[in-house]
N, C-alpha and C. Protein backbone atom coordinates (compact mmCIF):
# COMPACT_ATOMS: atom_id res chain seq x y z
N MET A 1 27.01 -29.80 -95.10
CA MET A 1 25.73 -29.45 -94.54
C MET A 1 25.64 -27.93 -94.42
N ARG A 2 24.49 -27.51 -94.75
CA ARG A 2 24.22 -26.07 -94.65
C ARG A 2 23.74 -25.71 -93.26
N LYS A 3 24.21 -24.60 -92.79
CA LYS A 3 23.78 -24.08 -91.51
C LYS A 3 22.40 -23.47 -91.70
N PRO A 4 21.44 -23.78 -90.76
CA PRO A 4 20.10 -23.23 -90.95
C PRO A 4 20.11 -21.71 -90.73
N ARG A 5 19.40 -21.00 -91.56
CA ARG A 5 19.31 -19.55 -91.46
C ARG A 5 18.00 -19.19 -90.77
N TYR A 6 18.13 -18.28 -89.81
CA TYR A 6 16.95 -17.84 -89.08
C TYR A 6 16.44 -16.56 -89.70
N SER A 7 15.16 -16.38 -89.56
CA SER A 7 14.57 -15.19 -90.17
C SER A 7 14.89 -13.94 -89.36
N LEU A 8 14.68 -12.80 -89.93
CA LEU A 8 14.98 -11.52 -89.30
C LEU A 8 14.10 -11.30 -88.06
N SER A 9 12.86 -11.77 -88.12
CA SER A 9 11.95 -11.58 -86.98
C SER A 9 12.46 -12.30 -85.74
N ILE A 10 13.08 -13.45 -85.90
CA ILE A 10 13.61 -14.17 -84.74
C ILE A 10 14.79 -13.40 -84.15
N HIS A 11 15.63 -12.83 -84.98
CA HIS A 11 16.76 -12.03 -84.49
C HIS A 11 16.26 -10.79 -83.74
N ILE A 12 15.26 -10.15 -84.29
CA ILE A 12 14.70 -8.95 -83.64
C ILE A 12 14.06 -9.33 -82.32
N THR A 13 13.35 -10.45 -82.27
CA THR A 13 12.71 -10.91 -81.05
C THR A 13 13.76 -11.22 -79.98
N ASN A 14 14.83 -11.89 -80.35
CA ASN A 14 15.90 -12.19 -79.40
C ASN A 14 16.55 -10.92 -78.86
N LEU A 15 16.82 -9.97 -79.73
CA LEU A 15 17.40 -8.71 -79.29
C LEU A 15 16.45 -7.96 -78.35
N PHE A 16 15.16 -7.99 -78.66
CA PHE A 16 14.18 -7.34 -77.80
C PHE A 16 14.13 -8.01 -76.43
N LEU A 17 14.16 -9.33 -76.39
CA LEU A 17 14.15 -10.05 -75.12
C LEU A 17 15.41 -9.75 -74.30
N ILE A 18 16.54 -9.71 -74.95
CA ILE A 18 17.79 -9.38 -74.25
C ILE A 18 17.73 -7.96 -73.70
N LEU A 19 17.23 -7.03 -74.50
CA LEU A 19 17.13 -5.64 -74.07
C LEU A 19 16.17 -5.49 -72.89
N THR A 20 15.00 -6.12 -72.97
CA THR A 20 14.04 -6.02 -71.86
C THR A 20 14.58 -6.70 -70.60
N THR A 21 15.33 -7.78 -70.75
CA THR A 21 15.93 -8.44 -69.60
C THR A 21 16.96 -7.53 -68.93
N LEU A 22 17.78 -6.88 -69.72
CA LEU A 22 18.77 -5.96 -69.17
C LEU A 22 18.11 -4.78 -68.47
N VAL A 23 17.08 -4.23 -69.07
CA VAL A 23 16.36 -3.11 -68.45
C VAL A 23 15.72 -3.57 -67.14
N GLY A 24 15.15 -4.77 -67.14
CA GLY A 24 14.55 -5.31 -65.92
C GLY A 24 15.57 -5.50 -64.82
N VAL A 25 16.74 -6.01 -65.16
CA VAL A 25 17.79 -6.21 -64.16
C VAL A 25 18.25 -4.86 -63.59
N VAL A 26 18.40 -3.86 -64.43
CA VAL A 26 18.80 -2.53 -63.97
C VAL A 26 17.73 -1.95 -63.05
N LEU A 27 16.47 -2.07 -63.43
CA LEU A 27 15.39 -1.55 -62.59
C LEU A 27 15.31 -2.27 -61.25
N ILE A 28 15.53 -3.57 -61.25
CA ILE A 28 15.54 -4.33 -60.01
C ILE A 28 16.68 -3.87 -59.11
N ALA A 29 17.86 -3.64 -59.70
CA ALA A 29 19.02 -3.19 -58.91
C ALA A 29 18.75 -1.81 -58.31
N ILE A 30 18.18 -0.91 -59.08
CA ILE A 30 17.87 0.42 -58.58
C ILE A 30 16.83 0.34 -57.47
N SER A 31 15.81 -0.48 -57.67
CA SER A 31 14.77 -0.64 -56.66
C SER A 31 15.33 -1.23 -55.38
N TYR A 32 16.22 -2.19 -55.51
CA TYR A 32 16.85 -2.80 -54.34
C TYR A 32 17.66 -1.77 -53.57
N GLN A 33 18.41 -0.94 -54.28
CA GLN A 33 19.23 0.08 -53.64
C GLN A 33 18.36 1.08 -52.88
N HIS A 34 17.28 1.53 -53.50
CA HIS A 34 16.38 2.48 -52.84
C HIS A 34 15.70 1.84 -51.63
N SER A 35 15.29 0.61 -51.75
CA SER A 35 14.65 -0.08 -50.62
C SER A 35 15.62 -0.24 -49.46
N ARG A 36 16.86 -0.56 -49.78
CA ARG A 36 17.86 -0.72 -48.73
C ARG A 36 18.12 0.60 -48.01
N GLU A 37 18.20 1.69 -48.76
CA GLU A 37 18.41 3.00 -48.14
C GLU A 37 17.21 3.38 -47.26
N LEU A 38 16.01 3.10 -47.75
CA LEU A 38 14.80 3.41 -46.98
C LEU A 38 14.75 2.59 -45.69
N LEU A 39 15.05 1.31 -45.78
CA LEU A 39 15.03 0.46 -44.59
C LEU A 39 16.13 0.84 -43.60
N THR A 40 17.28 1.23 -44.11
CA THR A 40 18.36 1.65 -43.23
C THR A 40 17.97 2.92 -42.48
N GLY A 41 17.36 3.87 -43.20
CA GLY A 41 16.90 5.10 -42.55
C GLY A 41 15.83 4.83 -41.52
N SER A 42 14.88 3.97 -41.84
CA SER A 42 13.82 3.63 -40.89
C SER A 42 14.38 2.92 -39.67
N ALA A 43 15.31 2.02 -39.88
CA ALA A 43 15.92 1.30 -38.75
C ALA A 43 16.69 2.27 -37.86
N GLN A 44 17.38 3.24 -38.47
CA GLN A 44 18.12 4.22 -37.68
C GLN A 44 17.18 5.08 -36.85
N GLU A 45 16.08 5.52 -37.45
CA GLU A 45 15.09 6.32 -36.73
C GLU A 45 14.48 5.53 -35.57
N LEU A 46 14.14 4.28 -35.83
CA LEU A 46 13.57 3.43 -34.79
C LEU A 46 14.58 3.19 -33.66
N SER A 47 15.83 3.00 -34.03
CA SER A 47 16.88 2.80 -33.03
C SER A 47 17.04 4.05 -32.17
N ASN A 48 17.03 5.21 -32.79
CA ASN A 48 17.16 6.46 -32.03
C ASN A 48 15.96 6.66 -31.10
N GLU A 49 14.76 6.35 -31.59
CA GLU A 49 13.56 6.49 -30.76
C GLU A 49 13.60 5.55 -29.57
N ASN A 50 13.99 4.30 -29.81
CA ASN A 50 14.08 3.33 -28.72
C ASN A 50 15.16 3.75 -27.72
N SER A 51 16.24 4.31 -28.20
CA SER A 51 17.30 4.78 -27.32
C SER A 51 16.80 5.91 -26.42
N ARG A 52 16.06 6.85 -27.01
CA ARG A 52 15.51 7.95 -26.21
C ARG A 52 14.51 7.43 -25.17
N LYS A 53 13.67 6.47 -25.56
CA LYS A 53 12.70 5.90 -24.62
C LYS A 53 13.41 5.18 -23.47
N LEU A 54 14.43 4.42 -23.82
CA LEU A 54 15.18 3.68 -22.80
C LEU A 54 15.88 4.63 -21.85
N GLU A 55 16.48 5.69 -22.37
CA GLU A 55 17.14 6.67 -21.52
C GLU A 55 16.14 7.37 -20.61
N SER A 56 14.98 7.70 -21.15
CA SER A 56 13.94 8.35 -20.35
C SER A 56 13.46 7.43 -19.22
N THR A 57 13.22 6.18 -19.56
CA THR A 57 12.78 5.20 -18.56
C THR A 57 13.85 5.00 -17.49
N TYR A 58 15.09 4.93 -17.91
CA TYR A 58 16.20 4.76 -16.96
C TYR A 58 16.26 5.96 -16.01
N LYS A 59 16.12 7.16 -16.56
CA LYS A 59 16.16 8.35 -15.70
C LYS A 59 14.99 8.36 -14.73
N GLN A 60 13.80 7.93 -15.18
CA GLN A 60 12.64 7.90 -14.31
C GLN A 60 12.81 6.88 -13.19
N ILE A 61 13.42 5.77 -13.50
CA ILE A 61 13.60 4.72 -12.49
C ILE A 61 14.69 5.10 -11.50
N THR A 62 15.78 5.68 -11.99
CA THR A 62 16.91 5.95 -11.11
C THR A 62 16.83 7.30 -10.41
N ALA A 63 15.91 8.16 -10.80
CA ALA A 63 15.83 9.50 -10.19
C ALA A 63 15.60 9.43 -8.67
N PRO A 64 14.65 8.63 -8.17
CA PRO A 64 14.46 8.58 -6.71
C PRO A 64 15.69 8.03 -5.99
N ILE A 65 16.34 7.06 -6.60
CA ILE A 65 17.53 6.47 -5.97
C ILE A 65 18.64 7.51 -5.90
N LEU A 66 18.87 8.22 -6.99
CA LEU A 66 19.92 9.24 -7.01
C LEU A 66 19.61 10.37 -6.04
N THR A 67 18.35 10.74 -5.95
CA THR A 67 17.96 11.78 -5.00
C THR A 67 18.23 11.33 -3.57
N THR A 68 17.89 10.10 -3.25
CA THR A 68 18.14 9.57 -1.92
C THR A 68 19.63 9.52 -1.62
N LEU A 69 20.42 9.07 -2.60
CA LEU A 69 21.87 9.02 -2.38
C LEU A 69 22.46 10.41 -2.20
N ASP A 70 21.98 11.38 -2.95
CA ASP A 70 22.45 12.76 -2.77
C ASP A 70 22.10 13.29 -1.39
N PHE A 71 20.87 12.99 -0.94
CA PHE A 71 20.44 13.42 0.39
C PHE A 71 21.30 12.77 1.47
N MET A 72 21.58 11.47 1.32
CA MET A 72 22.39 10.77 2.30
C MET A 72 23.82 11.31 2.32
N ARG A 73 24.35 11.64 1.14
CA ARG A 73 25.71 12.18 1.07
C ARG A 73 25.78 13.56 1.73
N SER A 74 24.78 14.39 1.47
CA SER A 74 24.79 15.73 2.07
C SER A 74 24.57 15.63 3.58
N ALA A 75 23.73 14.71 4.02
CA ALA A 75 23.51 14.53 5.45
C ALA A 75 24.77 14.03 6.13
N LEU A 76 25.48 13.11 5.46
CA LEU A 76 26.72 12.58 6.02
C LEU A 76 27.78 13.66 6.08
N SER A 77 27.87 14.47 5.03
CA SER A 77 28.88 15.53 5.03
C SER A 77 28.56 16.57 6.09
N LEU A 78 27.28 16.83 6.35
CA LEU A 78 26.91 17.78 7.40
C LEU A 78 27.28 17.24 8.78
N THR A 79 27.09 15.95 8.99
CA THR A 79 27.43 15.38 10.29
C THR A 79 28.94 15.33 10.48
N LEU A 80 29.71 15.20 9.41
CA LEU A 80 31.16 15.18 9.54
C LEU A 80 31.72 16.59 9.72
N ILE A 81 31.06 17.58 9.18
CA ILE A 81 31.55 18.96 9.26
C ILE A 81 31.22 19.58 10.60
N THR A 82 30.03 19.42 11.08
CA THR A 82 29.61 20.06 12.33
C THR A 82 30.13 19.25 13.50
N PRO A 83 30.77 19.91 14.45
CA PRO A 83 31.27 19.18 15.62
C PRO A 83 30.11 18.79 16.53
N PRO A 84 30.26 17.72 17.24
CA PRO A 84 29.20 17.32 18.16
C PRO A 84 29.10 18.33 19.31
N THR A 85 27.90 18.60 19.73
CA THR A 85 27.70 19.54 20.83
C THR A 85 27.83 18.80 22.16
N LYS A 86 28.37 19.50 23.13
CA LYS A 86 28.54 18.90 24.46
C LYS A 86 27.27 19.10 25.26
N ARG A 87 26.86 18.07 25.88
CA ARG A 87 25.66 18.17 26.73
C ARG A 87 26.11 18.28 28.18
N HIS A 88 25.47 19.16 28.85
CA HIS A 88 25.73 19.31 30.29
C HIS A 88 24.59 18.66 31.06
N VAL A 89 24.93 17.80 31.89
CA VAL A 89 23.93 17.15 32.73
C VAL A 89 23.84 17.96 34.02
N GLY A 90 22.65 18.27 34.35
CA GLY A 90 22.66 18.94 35.58
C GLY A 90 21.53 19.71 35.96
């Protein structure tokens, strides 16, 4: 039995399809890499922004408490440092 022979146009078409498929796969890989880098950068920026907002909110919430504690500590240290005055009844 003779092996069927294919025409030259079929060989050229197959080579063209293989070439375009390879180029498509390479372009998809490059696009995926760029998209991943872009999303990673955006996620990092968003994370940093949220961190700054959270820190700012925390400072705003705790500032009155810390001020009160500092005042209480200084008042306590003043009462411990200064001796009590003697009162004379009379």
